[in-house]
Amino acid sequence: MTLSRIVMRLARNPGTEFAGGDDHRGYALTAPLTADGLLDLEAYGKTKAECVVRRFAPDEDAADGRLARRGSRWFFDYDEGDAADDEPVHRLGEHRFAVGEYVTVTDEEGRPLTYKVVEVQPAN
């Protein structure tokens, strides 16, 4: 079972300080994908310890976490014992991870921000 490395960068978000987007802010995610680019739920159950996320931005230290699932809700979790740091990802299980697709992540301030998938490749 192959894991994929997915890189998403902040897209244009009108009405925010990121109206023009920011290629230096984003996420690098390792997760199993189906042949059509969706999260592979069955494979996730077998590889969840390897499903990690790194949030990066020029004005803060990188944050390392994990891809997590509670019920049907997917989120990025940076501290397993603290739900306050969870970043929900809007309908993540329905998103197709392919270059050019968009994903909405709710940041720590509760703002939904749009990210563009810029890279999908097999994880090493």
PDB file of N, CA and C in Angstrom:
ATOM      1  N   MET A   1       0.851  -1.166   0.000  1.00  0.00           N
ATOM      2  CA  MET A   1       0.000   0.000   0.000  1.00  0.00           C
ATOM      3  C   MET A   1       0.896   1.227   0.000  1.00  0.00           C
ATOM      4  N   THR A   2       0.633   2.130  -0.907  1.00  0.00           N
ATOM      5  CA  THR A   2       1.486   3.298  -1.100  1.00  0.00           C
ATOM      6  C   THR A   2       0.881   4.534  -0.451  1.00  0.00           C
ATOM      7  N   LEU A   3       1.742   5.270   0.221  1.00  0.00           N
ATOM      8  CA  LEU A   3       1.337   6.564   0.765  1.00  0.00           C
ATOM      9  C   LEU A   3       1.748   7.648  -0.222  1.00  0.00           C
ATOM     10  N   SER A   4       1.006   8.737  -0.225  1.00  0.00           N
ATOM     11  CA  SER A   4       1.318   9.871  -1.095  1.00  0.00           C
ATOM     12  C   SER A   4       1.712  11.069  -0.259  1.00  0.00           C
ATOM     13  N   ARG A   5       2.603  11.862  -0.827  1.00  0.00           N
ATOM     14  CA  ARG A   5       2.974  13.147  -0.221  1.00  0.00           C
ATOM     15  C   ARG A   5       2.219  14.214  -0.996  1.00  0.00           C
ATOM     16  N   ILE A   6       1.425  14.980  -0.278  1.00  0.00           N
ATOM     17  CA  ILE A   6       0.561  16.004  -0.879  1.00  0.00           C
ATOM     18  C   ILE A   6       0.996  17.352  -0.333  1.00  0.00           C
ATOM     19  N   VAL A   7       1.257  18.301  -1.219  1.00  0.00           N
ATOM     20  CA  VAL A   7       1.621  19.650  -0.787  1.00  0.00           C
ATOM     21  C   VAL A   7       0.513  20.601  -1.239  1.00  0.00           C
ATOM     22  N   MET A   8       0.027  21.387  -0.273  1.00  0.00           N
ATOM     23  CA  MET A   8      -1.006  22.387  -0.540  1.00  0.00           C
ATOM     24  C   MET A   8      -0.455  23.750  -0.125  1.00  0.00           C
ATOM     25  N   ARG A   9      -0.637  24.750  -0.971  1.00  0.00           N
ATOM     26  CA  ARG A   9      -0.178  26.105  -0.662  1.00  0.00           C
ATOM     27  C   ARG A   9      -1.386  27.045  -0.626  1.00  0.00           C
ATOM     28  N   LEU A  10      -1.265  28.083   0.212  1.00  0.00           N
ATOM     29  CA  LEU A  10      -2.371  29.013   0.411  1.00  0.00           C
ATOM     30  C   LEU A  10      -2.763  29.672  -0.916  1.00  0.00           C
ATOM     31  N   ALA A  11      -4.011  29.504  -1.292  1.00  0.00           N
ATOM     32  CA  ALA A  11      -4.550  30.085  -2.530  1.00  0.00           C
ATOM     33  C   ALA A  11      -5.059  31.503  -2.241  1.00  0.00           C
ATOM     34  N   ARG A  12      -5.584  32.141  -3.255  1.00  0.00           N
ATOM     35  CA  ARG A  12      -6.191  33.469  -3.056  1.00  0.00           C
ATOM     36  C   ARG A  12      -7.385  33.328  -2.129  1.00  0.00           C
ATOM     37  N   ASN A  13      -7.435  34.203  -1.126  1.00  0.00           N
ATOM     38  CA  ASN A  13      -8.526  34.212  -0.158  1.00  0.00           C
ATOM     39  C   ASN A  13      -9.032  35.642  -0.020  1.00  0.00           C
ATOM     40  N   PRO A  14      -9.881  36.095  -0.957  1.00  0.00           N
ATOM     41  CA  PRO A  14     -10.396  37.467  -0.910  1.00  0.00           C
ATOM     42  C   PRO A  14     -11.038  37.770   0.445  1.00  0.00           C
ATOM     43  N   GLY A  15     -10.856  39.001   0.900  1.00  0.00           N
ATOM     44  CA  GLY A  15     -11.437  39.422   2.157  1.00  0.00           C
ATOM     45  C   GLY A  15     -10.577  39.099   3.369  1.00  0.00           C
ATOM     46  N   THR A  16      -9.400  38.531   3.141  1.00  0.00           N
ATOM     47  CA  THR A  16      -8.456  38.242   4.229  1.00  0.00           C
ATOM     48  C   THR A  16      -7.135  38.939   3.897  1.00  0.00           C
ATOM     49  N   GLU A  17      -6.191  38.861   4.830  1.00  0.00           N
ATOM     50  CA  GLU A  17      -4.867  39.417   4.536  1.00  0.00           C
ATOM     51  C   GLU A  17      -4.128  38.594   3.487  1.00  0.00           C
ATOM     52  N   PHE A  18      -4.724  37.474   3.064  1.00  0.00           N
ATOM     53  CA  PHE A  18      -4.133  36.608   2.042  1.00  0.00           C
ATOM     54  C   PHE A  18      -4.911  36.680   0.727  1.00  0.00           C
ATOM     55  N   ALA A  19      -5.397  37.867   0.406  1.00  0.00           N
ATOM     56  CA  ALA A  19      -6.220  38.039  -0.797  1.00  0.00           C
ATOM     57  C   ALA A  19      -5.500  37.545  -2.056  1.00  0.00           C
ATOM     58  N   GLY A  20      -4.188  37.698  -2.092  1.00  0.00           N
ATOM     59  CA  GLY A  20      -3.423  37.266  -3.256  1.00  0.00           C
ATOM     60  C   GLY A  20      -2.816  35.892  -3.115  1.00  0.00           C
ATOM     61  N   GLY A  21      -3.106  35.199  -1.995  1.00  0.00           N
ATOM     62  CA  GLY A  21      -2.506  33.897  -1.737  1.00  0.00           C
ATOM     63  C   GLY A  21      -1.108  34.064  -1.160  1.00  0.00           C
ATOM     64  N   ASP A  22      -0.465  32.961  -0.828  1.00  0.00           N
ATOM     65  CA  ASP A  22       0.889  32.989  -0.287  1.00  0.00           C
ATOM     66  C   ASP A  22       1.513  31.618  -0.483  1.00  0.00           C
ATOM     67  N   ASP A  23       2.454  31.518  -1.439  1.00  0.00           N
ATOM     68  CA  ASP A  23       3.108  30.240  -1.737  1.00  0.00           C
ATOM     69  C   ASP A  23       3.999  29.744  -0.608  1.00  0.00           C
ATOM     70  N   HIS A  24       4.266  30.584   0.386  1.00  0.00           N
ATOM     71  CA  HIS A  24       5.141  30.206   1.489  1.00  0.00           C
ATOM     72  C   HIS A  24       4.360  29.677   2.693  1.00  0.00           C
ATOM     73  N   ARG A  25       3.039  29.595   2.589  1.00  0.00           N
ATOM     74  CA  ARG A  25       2.182  29.061   3.649  1.00  0.00           C
ATOM     75  C   ARG A  25       1.447  27.843   3.112  1.00  0.00           C
ATOM     76  N   GLY A  26       1.398  26.813   3.918  1.00  0.00           N
ATOM     77  CA  GLY A  26       0.664  25.646   3.448  1.00  0.00           C
ATOM     78  C   GLY A  26       0.851  24.437   4.322  1.00  0.00           C
ATOM     79  N   TYR A  27       0.610  23.288   3.709  1.00  0.00           N
ATOM     80  CA  TYR A  27       0.655  22.013   4.399  1.00  0.00           C
ATOM     81  C   TYR A  27       1.341  20.985   3.508  1.00  0.00           C
ATOM     82  N   ALA A  28       2.101  20.103   4.143  1.00  0.00           N
ATOM     83  CA  ALA A  28       2.618  18.903   3.487  1.00  0.00           C
ATOM     84  C   ALA A  28       1.994  17.734   4.240  1.00  0.00           C
ATOM     85  N   LEU A  29       1.301  16.894   3.528  1.00  0.00           N
ATOM     86  CA  LEU A  29       0.502  15.822   4.116  1.00  0.00           C
ATOM     87  C   LEU A  29       0.942  14.487   3.533  1.00  0.00           C
ATOM     88  N   THR A  30       1.051  13.480   4.380  1.00  0.00           N
ATOM     89  CA  THR A  30       1.304  12.115   3.925  1.00  0.00           C
ATOM     90  C   THR A  30       0.061  11.299   4.235  1.00  0.00           C
ATOM     91  N   ALA A  31      -0.524  10.699   3.192  1.00  0.00           N
ATOM     92  CA  ALA A  31      -1.775   9.954   3.354  1.00  0.00           C
ATOM     93  C   ALA A  31      -1.933   8.948   2.218  1.00  0.00           C
ATOM     94  N   PRO A  32      -2.723   7.889   2.455  1.00  0.00           N
ATOM     95  CA  PRO A  32      -3.008   6.937   1.375  1.00  0.00           C
ATOM     96  C   PRO A  32      -4.148   7.460   0.499  1.00  0.00           C
ATOM     97  N   LEU A  33      -3.982   7.311  -0.802  1.00  0.00           N
ATOM     98  CA  LEU A  33      -5.009   7.761  -1.745  1.00  0.00           C
ATOM     99  C   LEU A  33      -5.481   6.595  -2.599  1.00  0.00           C
ATOM    100  N   THR A  34      -6.726   6.669  -3.018  1.00  0.00           N
ATOM    101  CA  THR A  34      -7.257   5.698  -3.974  1.00  0.00           C
ATOM    102  C   THR A  34      -6.711   6.053  -5.355  1.00  0.00           C
ATOM    103  N   ALA A  35      -6.986   5.213  -6.326  1.00  0.00           N
ATOM    104  CA  ALA A  35      -6.514   5.462  -7.690  1.00  0.00           C
ATOM    105  C   ALA A  35      -7.059   6.771  -8.256  1.00  0.00           C
ATOM    106  N   ASP A  36      -8.244   7.211  -7.789  1.00  0.00           N
ATOM    107  CA  ASP A  36      -8.810   8.448  -8.298  1.00  0.00           C
ATOM    108  C   ASP A  36      -8.491   9.663  -7.407  1.00  0.00           C
ATOM    109  N   GLY A  37      -7.567   9.493  -6.443  1.00  0.00           N
ATOM    110  CA  GLY A  37      -7.081  10.631  -5.682  1.00  0.00           C
ATOM    111  C   GLY A  37      -7.843  10.975  -4.410  1.00  0.00           C
ATOM    112  N   LEU A  38      -8.765  10.113  -3.995  1.00  0.00           N
ATOM    113  CA  LEU A  38      -9.492  10.343  -2.744  1.00  0.00           C
ATOM    114  C   LEU A  38      -8.751   9.678  -1.590  1.00  0.00           C
ATOM    115  N   LEU A  39      -8.983  10.158  -0.357  1.00  0.00           N
ATOM    116  CA  LEU A  39      -8.399   9.481   0.790  1.00  0.00           C
ATOM    117  C   LEU A  39      -8.904   8.046   0.833  1.00  0.00           C
ATOM    118  N   ASP A  40      -8.001   7.117   1.041  1.00  0.00           N
ATOM    119  CA  ASP A  40      -8.338   5.696   1.091  1.00  0.00           C
ATOM    120  C   ASP A  40      -8.596   5.318   2.549  1.00  0.00           C
ATOM    121  N   LEU A  41      -9.860   5.250   2.926  1.00  0.00           N
ATOM    122  CA  LEU A  41     -10.244   5.007   4.316  1.00  0.00           C
ATOM    123  C   LEU A  41      -9.733   3.657   4.818  1.00  0.00           C
ATOM    124  N   GLU A  42      -9.836   2.619   4.020  1.00  0.00           N
ATOM    125  CA  GLU A  42      -9.362   1.292   4.431  1.00  0.00           C
ATOM    126  C   GLU A  42      -7.848   1.306   4.669  1.00  0.00           C
ATOM    127  N   ALA A  43      -7.107   1.901   3.760  1.00  0.00           N
ATOM    128  CA  ALA A  43      -5.651   1.979   3.910  1.00  0.00           C
ATOM    129  C   ALA A  43      -5.272   2.879   5.075  1.00  0.00           C
ATOM    130  N   TYR A  44      -6.044   3.931   5.310  1.00  0.00           N
ATOM    131  CA  TYR A  44      -5.776   4.811   6.443  1.00  0.00           C
ATOM    132  C   TYR A  44      -5.812   4.027   7.756  1.00  0.00           C
ATOM    133  N   GLY A  45      -6.769   3.134   7.890  1.00  0.00           N
ATOM    134  CA  GLY A  45      -6.879   2.329   9.099  1.00  0.00           C
ATOM    135  C   GLY A  45      -5.626   1.508   9.369  1.00  0.00           C
ATOM    136  N   LYS A  46      -4.912   1.138   8.312  1.00  0.00           N
ATOM    137  CA  LYS A  46      -3.706   0.324   8.448  1.00  0.00           C
ATOM    138  C   LYS A  46      -2.431   1.165   8.548  1.00  0.00           C
ATOM    139  N   THR A  47      -2.502   2.435   8.133  1.00  0.00           N
ATOM    140  CA  THR A  47      -1.287   3.265   8.069  1.00  0.00           C
ATOM    141  C   THR A  47      -1.403   4.566   8.845  1.00  0.00           C
ATOM    142  N   LYS A  48      -2.403   4.709   9.713  1.00  0.00           N
ATOM    143  CA  LYS A  48      -2.638   6.021  10.327  1.00  0.00           C
ATOM    144  C   LYS A  48      -1.446   6.546  11.110  1.00  0.00           C
ATOM    145  N   ALA A  49      -0.600   5.683  11.629  1.00  0.00           N
ATOM    146  CA  ALA A  49       0.595   6.159  12.343  1.00  0.00           C
ATOM    147  C   ALA A  49       1.560   6.880  11.390  1.00  0.00           C
ATOM    148  N   GLU A  50       1.471   6.579  10.113  1.00  0.00           N
ATOM    149  CA  GLU A  50       2.351   7.195   9.117  1.00  0.00           C
ATOM    150  C   GLU A  50       1.703   8.405   8.427  1.00  0.00           C
ATOM    151  N   CYS A  51       0.452   8.679   8.742  1.00  0.00           N
ATOM    152  CA  CYS A  51      -0.296   9.773   8.114  1.00  0.00           C
ATOM    153  C   CYS A  51      -0.044  11.055   8.900  1.00  0.00           C
ATOM    154  N   VAL A  52       0.912  11.811   8.438  1.00  0.00           N
ATOM    155  CA  VAL A  52       1.356  13.001   9.158  1.00  0.00           C
ATOM    156  C   VAL A  52       1.102  14.260   8.337  1.00  0.00           C
ATOM    157  N   VAL A  53       1.149  15.384   9.034  1.00  0.00           N
ATOM    158  CA  VAL A  53       0.962  16.682   8.389  1.00  0.00           C
ATOM    159  C   VAL A  53       1.977  17.652   8.964  1.00  0.00           C
ATOM    160  N   ARG A  54       2.451  18.558   8.140  1.00  0.00           N
ATOM    161  CA  ARG A  54       3.326  19.641   8.583  1.00  0.00           C
ATOM    162  C   ARG A  54       2.752  20.936   8.040  1.00  0.00           C
ATOM    163  N   ARG A  55       2.446  21.855   8.955  1.00  0.00           N
ATOM    164  CA  ARG A  55       1.977  23.184   8.563  1.00  0.00           C
ATOM    165  C   ARG A  55       3.192  24.093   8.533  1.00  0.00           C
ATOM    166  N   PHE A  56       3.336  24.856   7.448  1.00  0.00           N
ATOM    167  CA  PHE A  56       4.486  25.742   7.336  1.00  0.00           C
ATOM    168  C   PHE A  56       4.043  27.150   6.956  1.00  0.00           C
ATOM    169  N   ALA A  57       4.782  28.122   7.473  1.00  0.00           N
ATOM    170  CA  ALA A  57       4.550  29.541   7.190  1.00  0.00           C
ATOM    171  C   ALA A  57       5.835  30.286   7.524  1.00  0.00           C
ATOM    172  N   PRO A  58       6.123  31.372   6.821  1.00  0.00           N
ATOM    173  CA  PRO A  58       7.389  32.072   7.042  1.00  0.00           C
ATOM    174  C   PRO A  58       7.496  32.765   8.401  1.00  0.00           C
ATOM    175  N   ASP A  59       6.386  33.079   9.028  1.00  0.00           N
ATOM    176  CA  ASP A  59       6.419  33.834  10.275  1.00  0.00           C
ATOM    177  C   ASP A  59       6.155  32.979  11.514  1.00  0.00           C
ATOM    178  N   GLU A  60       6.247  31.654  11.379  1.00  0.00           N
ATOM    179  CA  GLU A  60       6.052  30.772  12.532  1.00  0.00           C
ATOM    180  C   GLU A  60       6.847  29.493  12.327  1.00  0.00           C
ATOM    181  N   ASP A  61       7.136  28.820  13.440  1.00  0.00           N
ATOM    182  CA  ASP A  61       7.815  27.531  13.350  1.00  0.00           C
ATOM    183  C   ASP A  61       6.877  26.522  12.707  1.00  0.00           C
ATOM    184  N   ALA A  62       7.437  25.584  11.973  1.00  0.00           N
ATOM    185  CA  ALA A  62       6.619  24.523  11.379  1.00  0.00           C
ATOM    186  C   ALA A  62       5.942  23.733  12.496  1.00  0.00           C
ATOM    187  N   ALA A  63       4.713  23.326  12.255  1.00  0.00           N
ATOM    188  CA  ALA A  63       3.959  22.530  13.224  1.00  0.00           C
ATOM    189  C   ALA A  63       3.750  21.136  12.647  1.00  0.00           C
ATOM    190  N   ASP A  64       4.190  20.133  13.390  1.00  0.00           N
ATOM    191  CA  ASP A  64       4.038  18.746  12.960  1.00  0.00           C
ATOM    192  C   ASP A  64       2.872  18.108  13.694  1.00  0.00           C
ATOM    193  N   GLY A  65       2.037  17.410  12.931  1.00  0.00           N
ATOM    194  CA  GLY A  65       0.884  16.757  13.518  1.00  0.00           C
ATOM    195  C   GLY A  65       0.552  15.489  12.758  1.00  0.00           C
ATOM    196  N   ARG A  66      -0.692  15.099  12.864  1.00  0.00           N
ATOM    197  CA  ARG A  66      -1.135  13.876  12.197  1.00  0.00           C
ATOM    198  C   ARG A  66      -2.496  14.098  11.561  1.00  0.00           C
ATOM    199  N   LEU A  67      -2.771  13.303  10.553  1.00  0.00           N
ATOM    200  CA  LEU A  67      -4.092  13.273   9.950  1.00  0.00           C
ATOM    201  C   LEU A  67      -4.948  12.396  10.853  1.00  0.00           C
ATOM    202  N   ALA A  68      -6.085  12.908  11.290  1.00  0.00           N
ATOM    203  CA  ALA A  68      -6.934  12.159  12.214  1.00  0.00           C
ATOM    204  C   ALA A  68      -8.372  12.158  11.726  1.00  0.00           C
ATOM    205  N   ARG A  69      -9.132  11.217  12.263  1.00  0.00           N
ATOM    206  CA  ARG A  69     -10.525  11.080  11.870  1.00  0.00           C
ATOM    207  C   ARG A  69     -11.342  10.736  13.112  1.00  0.00           C
ATOM    208  N   ARG A  70     -12.436  11.433  13.276  1.00  0.00           N
ATOM    209  CA  ARG A  70     -13.371  11.162  14.371  1.00  0.00           C
ATOM    210  C   ARG A  70     -14.749  11.086  13.728  1.00  0.00           C
ATOM    211  N   GLY A  71     -15.346   9.900  13.732  1.00  0.00           N
ATOM    212  CA  GLY A  71     -16.607   9.724  13.015  1.00  0.00           C
ATOM    213  C   GLY A  71     -16.351   9.899  11.526  1.00  0.00           C
ATOM    214  N   SER A  72     -17.088  10.790  10.887  1.00  0.00           N
ATOM    215  CA  SER A  72     -16.864  11.051   9.466  1.00  0.00           C
ATOM    216  C   SER A  72     -16.051  12.328   9.256  1.00  0.00           C
ATOM    217  N   ARG A  73     -15.596  12.933  10.344  1.00  0.00           N
ATOM    218  CA  ARG A  73     -14.889  14.212  10.282  1.00  0.00           C
ATOM    219  C   ARG A  73     -13.372  14.014  10.275  1.00  0.00           C
ATOM    220  N   TRP A  74     -12.703  14.573   9.269  1.00  0.00           N
ATOM    221  CA  TRP A  74     -11.250  14.540   9.159  1.00  0.00           C
ATOM    222  C   TRP A  74     -10.689  15.864   9.677  1.00  0.00           C
ATOM    223  N   PHE A  75      -9.517  15.810  10.276  1.00  0.00           N
ATOM    224  CA  PHE A  75      -8.874  17.035  10.748  1.00  0.00           C
ATOM    225  C   PHE A  75      -7.378  16.814  10.916  1.00  0.00           C
ATOM    226  N   PHE A  76      -6.644  17.923  11.044  1.00  0.00           N
ATOM    227  CA  PHE A  76      -5.225  17.877  11.343  1.00  0.00           C
ATOM    228  C   PHE A  76      -5.087  18.084  12.842  1.00  0.00           C
ATOM    229  N   ASP A  77      -4.389  17.192  13.511  1.00  0.00           N
ATOM    230  CA  ASP A  77      -4.253  17.215  14.969  1.00  0.00           C
ATOM    231  C   ASP A  77      -2.785  17.401  15.332  1.00  0.00           C
ATOM    232  N   TYR A  78      -2.501  18.442  16.098  1.00  0.00           N
ATOM    233  CA  TYR A  78      -1.117  18.759  16.465  1.00  0.00           C
ATOM    234  C   TYR A  78      -0.779  18.353  17.887  1.00  0.00           C
ATOM    235  N   ASP A  79      -1.764  18.009  18.698  1.00  0.00           N
ATOM    236  CA  ASP A  79      -1.551  17.557  20.067  1.00  0.00           C
ATOM    237  C   ASP A  79      -2.696  16.618  20.403  1.00  0.00           C
ATOM    238  N   GLU A  80      -2.388  15.337  20.463  1.00  0.00           N
ATOM    239  CA  GLU A  80      -3.426  14.322  20.627  1.00  0.00           C
ATOM    240  C   GLU A  80      -4.297  14.551  21.862  1.00  0.00           C
ATOM    241  N   GLY A  81      -3.734  15.135  22.904  1.00  0.00           N
ATOM    242  CA  GLY A  81      -4.494  15.329  24.122  1.00  0.00           C
ATOM    243  C   GLY A  81      -5.277  16.622  24.190  1.00  0.00           C
ATOM    244  N   ASP A  82      -5.194  17.458  23.148  1.00  0.00           N
ATOM    245  CA  ASP A  82      -5.824  18.782  23.179  1.00  0.00           C
ATOM    246  C   ASP A  82      -6.618  19.015  21.902  1.00  0.00           C
ATOM    247  N   ALA A  83      -7.937  18.990  22.002  1.00  0.00           N
ATOM    248  CA  ALA A  83      -8.789  19.182  20.820  1.00  0.00           C
ATOM    249  C   ALA A  83      -8.806  20.637  20.357  1.00  0.00           C
ATOM    250  N   ALA A  84      -8.339  21.575  21.190  1.00  0.00           N
ATOM    251  CA  ALA A  84      -8.372  22.991  20.833  1.00  0.00           C
ATOM    252  C   ALA A  84      -7.463  23.315  19.654  1.00  0.00           C
ATOM    253  N   ASP A  85      -6.458  22.487  19.391  1.00  0.00           N
ATOM    254  CA  ASP A  85      -5.535  22.781  18.294  1.00  0.00           C
ATOM    255  C   ASP A  85      -5.923  22.085  16.994  1.00  0.00           C
ATOM    256  N   ASP A  86      -7.007  21.340  16.993  1.00  0.00           N
ATOM    257  CA  ASP A  86      -7.430  20.630  15.789  1.00  0.00           C
ATOM    258  C   ASP A  86      -7.814  21.615  14.688  1.00  0.00           C
ATOM    259  N   GLU A  87      -7.403  21.305  13.448  1.00  0.00           N
ATOM    260  CA  GLU A  87      -7.789  22.104  12.293  1.00  0.00           C
ATOM    261  C   GLU A  87      -8.702  21.266  11.408  1.00  0.00           C
ATOM    262  N   PRO A  88     -10.019  21.529  11.451  1.00  0.00           N
ATOM    263  CA  PRO A  88     -10.941  20.772  10.606  1.00  0.00           C
ATOM    264  C   PRO A  88     -10.692  21.071   9.119  1.00  0.00           C
ATOM    265  N   VAL A  89     -10.863  20.045   8.329  1.00  0.00           N
ATOM    266  CA  VAL A  89     -10.714  20.194   6.880  1.00  0.00           C
ATOM    267  C   VAL A  89     -12.075  19.899   6.261  1.00  0.00           C
ATOM    268  N   HIS A  90     -12.638  20.902   5.600  1.00  0.00           N
ATOM    269  CA  HIS A  90     -13.993  20.825   5.060  1.00  0.00           C
ATOM    270  C   HIS A  90     -14.121  19.688   4.058  1.00  0.00           C
ATOM    271  N   ARG A  91     -14.959  18.715   4.400  1.00  0.00           N
ATOM    272  CA  ARG A  91     -15.280  17.596   3.507  1.00  0.00           C
ATOM    273  C   ARG A  91     -14.044  16.905   2.936  1.00  0.00           C
ATOM    274  N   LEU A  92     -13.026  16.723   3.782  1.00  0.00           N
ATOM    275  CA  LEU A  92     -11.756  16.165   3.313  1.00  0.00           C
ATOM    276  C   LEU A  92     -11.934  14.799   2.658  1.00  0.00           C
ATOM    277  N   GLY A  93     -12.809  13.980   3.190  1.00  0.00           N
ATOM    278  CA  GLY A  93     -13.023  12.653   2.623  1.00  0.00           C
ATOM    279  C   GLY A  93     -13.602  12.671   1.220  1.00  0.00           C
ATOM    280  N   GLU A  94     -14.136  13.820   0.794  1.00  0.00           N
ATOM    281  CA  GLU A  94     -14.721  13.945  -0.545  1.00  0.00           C
ATOM    282  C   GLU A  94     -13.808  14.675  -1.516  1.00  0.00           C
ATOM    283  N   HIS A  95     -12.688  15.212  -1.015  1.00  0.00           N
ATOM    284  CA  HIS A  95     -11.775  15.960  -1.876  1.00  0.00           C
ATOM    285  C   HIS A  95     -10.917  15.021  -2.703  1.00  0.00           C
ATOM    286  N   ARG A  96     -10.689  15.427  -3.927  1.00  0.00           N
ATOM    287  CA  ARG A  96      -9.783  14.707  -4.812  1.00  0.00           C
ATOM    288  C   ARG A  96      -8.433  15.401  -4.729  1.00  0.00           C
ATOM    289  N   PHE A  97      -7.417  14.662  -4.350  1.00  0.00           N
ATOM    290  CA  PHE A  97      -6.073  15.231  -4.251  1.00  0.00           C
ATOM    291  C   PHE A  97      -5.360  15.051  -5.579  1.00  0.00           C
ATOM    292  N   ALA A  98      -5.432  16.098  -6.369  1.00  0.00           N
ATOM    293  CA  ALA A  98      -4.768  16.155  -7.668  1.00  0.00           C
ATOM    294  C   ALA A  98      -4.292  17.587  -7.840  1.00  0.00           C
ATOM    295  N   VAL A  99      -3.199  17.756  -8.537  1.00  0.00           N
ATOM    296  CA  VAL A  99      -2.646  19.089  -8.755  1.00  0.00           C
ATOM    297  C   VAL A  99      -3.724  19.983  -9.362  1.00  0.00           C
ATOM    298  N   GLY A 100      -3.899  21.166  -8.763  1.00  0.00           N
ATOM    299  CA  GLY A 100      -4.880  22.124  -9.246  1.00  0.00           C
ATOM    300  C   GLY A 100      -6.190  22.117  -8.476  1.00  0.00           C
ATOM    301  N   GLU A 101      -6.437  21.077  -7.671  1.00  0.00           N
ATOM    302  CA  GLU A 101      -7.652  21.011  -6.864  1.00  0.00           C
ATOM    303  C   GLU A 101      -7.505  21.917  -5.640  1.00  0.00           C
ATOM    304  N   TYR A 102      -8.628  22.265  -5.001  1.00  0.00           N
ATOM    305  CA  TYR A 102      -8.629  23.154  -3.840  1.00  0.00           C
ATOM    306  C   TYR A 102      -9.189  22.449  -2.615  1.00  0.00           C
ATOM    307  N   VAL A 103      -8.644  22.799  -1.439  1.00  0.00           N
ATOM    308  CA  VAL A 103      -9.046  22.225  -0.160  1.00  0.00           C
ATOM    309  C   VAL A 103      -9.207  23.375   0.829  1.00  0.00           C
ATOM    310  N   THR A 104     -10.260  23.347   1.642  1.00  0.00           N
ATOM    311  CA  THR A 104     -10.482  24.378   2.657  1.00  0.00           C
ATOM    312  C   THR A 104     -10.126  23.835   4.030  1.00  0.00           C
ATOM    313  N   VAL A 105      -9.233  24.557   4.718  1.00  0.00           N
ATOM    314  CA  VAL A 105      -8.809  24.205   6.070  1.00  0.00           C
ATOM    315  C   VAL A 105      -9.208  25.352   6.986  1.00  0.00           C
ATOM    316  N   THR A 106      -9.810  25.036   8.130  1.00  0.00           N
ATOM    317  CA  THR A 106     -10.159  26.052   9.116  1.00  0.00           C
ATOM    318  C   THR A 106      -8.962  26.254  10.027  1.00  0.00           C
ATOM    319  N   ASP A 107      -8.423  27.477  10.042  1.00  0.00           N
ATOM    320  CA  ASP A 107      -7.218  27.727  10.829  1.00  0.00           C
ATOM    321  C   ASP A 107      -7.515  27.830  12.315  1.00  0.00           C
ATOM    322  N   GLU A 108      -6.469  28.043  13.112  1.00  0.00           N
ATOM    323  CA  GLU A 108      -6.616  28.072  14.571  1.00  0.00           C
ATOM    324  C   GLU A 108      -7.473  29.232  15.052  1.00  0.00           C
ATOM    325  N   GLU A 109      -7.708  30.232  14.197  1.00  0.00           N
ATOM    326  CA  GLU A 109      -8.581  31.360  14.533  1.00  0.00           C
ATOM    327  C   GLU A 109     -10.020  31.128  14.077  1.00  0.00           C
ATOM    328  N   GLY A 110     -10.289  29.954  13.513  1.00  0.00           N
ATOM    329  CA  GLY A 110     -11.638  29.624  13.065  1.00  0.00           C
ATOM    330  C   GLY A 110     -11.989  30.119  11.679  1.00  0.00           C
ATOM    331  N   ARG A 111     -10.991  30.621  10.929  1.00  0.00           N
ATOM    332  CA  ARG A 111     -11.236  31.110   9.576  1.00  0.00           C
ATOM    333  C   ARG A 111     -11.053  29.995   8.555  1.00  0.00           C
ATOM    334  N   PRO A 112     -12.018  29.805   7.680  1.00  0.00           N
ATOM    335  CA  PRO A 112     -11.810  28.843   6.591  1.00  0.00           C
ATOM    336  C   PRO A 112     -10.931  29.475   5.523  1.00  0.00           C
ATOM    337  N   LEU A 113      -9.797  28.841   5.224  1.00  0.00           N
ATOM    338  CA  LEU A 113      -8.885  29.334   4.199  1.00  0.00           C
ATOM    339  C   LEU A 113      -8.721  28.268   3.118  1.00  0.00           C
ATOM    340  N   THR A 114      -8.617  28.708   1.881  1.00  0.00           N
ATOM    341  CA  THR A 114      -8.516  27.804   0.748  1.00  0.00           C
ATOM    342  C   THR A 114      -7.056  27.587   0.367  1.00  0.00           C
ATOM    343  N   TYR A 115      -6.723  26.327   0.125  1.00  0.00           N
ATOM    344  CA  TYR A 115      -5.375  25.933  -0.282  1.00  0.00           C
ATOM    345  C   TYR A 115      -5.467  25.199  -1.613  1.00  0.00           C
ATOM    346  N   LYS A 116      -4.427  25.352  -2.417  1.00  0.00           N
ATOM    347  CA  LYS A 116      -4.382  24.691  -3.724  1.00  0.00           C
ATOM    348  C   LYS A 116      -3.385  23.530  -3.658  1.00  0.00           C
ATOM    349  N   VAL A 117      -3.791  22.384  -4.162  1.00  0.00           N
ATOM    350  CA  VAL A 117      -2.890  21.229  -4.238  1.00  0.00           C
ATOM    351  C   VAL A 117      -1.884  21.511  -5.354  1.00  0.00           C
ATOM    352  N   VAL A 118      -0.608  21.542  -4.979  1.00  0.00           N
ATOM    353  CA  VAL A 118       0.431  21.861  -5.963  1.00  0.00           C
ATOM    354  C   VAL A 118       1.346  20.678  -6.260  1.00  0.00           C
ATOM    355  N   GLU A 119       1.241  19.616  -5.448  1.00  0.00           N
ATOM    356  CA  GLU A 119       2.112  18.458  -5.660  1.00  0.00           C
ATOM    357  C   GLU A 119       1.464  17.223  -5.056  1.00  0.00           C
ATOM    358  N   VAL A 120       1.492  16.119  -5.789  1.00  0.00           N
ATOM    359  CA  VAL A 120       1.081  14.808  -5.295  1.00  0.00           C
ATOM    360  C   VAL A 120       2.061  13.811  -5.877  1.00  0.00           C
ATOM    361  N   GLN A 121       2.771  13.113  -4.991  1.00  0.00           N
ATOM    362  CA  GLN A 121       3.747  12.121  -5.454  1.00  0.00           C
ATOM    363  C   GLN A 121       3.865  11.000  -4.430  1.00  0.00           C
ATOM    364  N   PRO A 122       4.393   9.853  -4.817  1.00  0.00           N
ATOM    365  CA  PRO A 122       4.571   8.789  -3.832  1.00  0.00           C
ATOM    366  C   PRO A 122       5.489   9.243  -2.709  1.00  0.00           C
ATOM    367  N   ALA A 123       5.128   8.912  -1.475  1.00  0.00           N
ATOM    368  CA  ALA A 123       5.970   9.251  -0.317  1.00  0.00           C
ATOM    369  C   ALA A 123       7.149   8.291  -0.292  1.00  0.00           C
ATOM    370  N   ASN A 124       8.266   8.777   0.149  1.00  0.00           N
ATOM    371  CA  ASN A 124       9.467   7.912   0.223  1.00  0.00           C
ATOM    372  C   ASN A 124       9.487   7.123   1.491  1.00  0.00           C
TER     373      ASN A 124
END
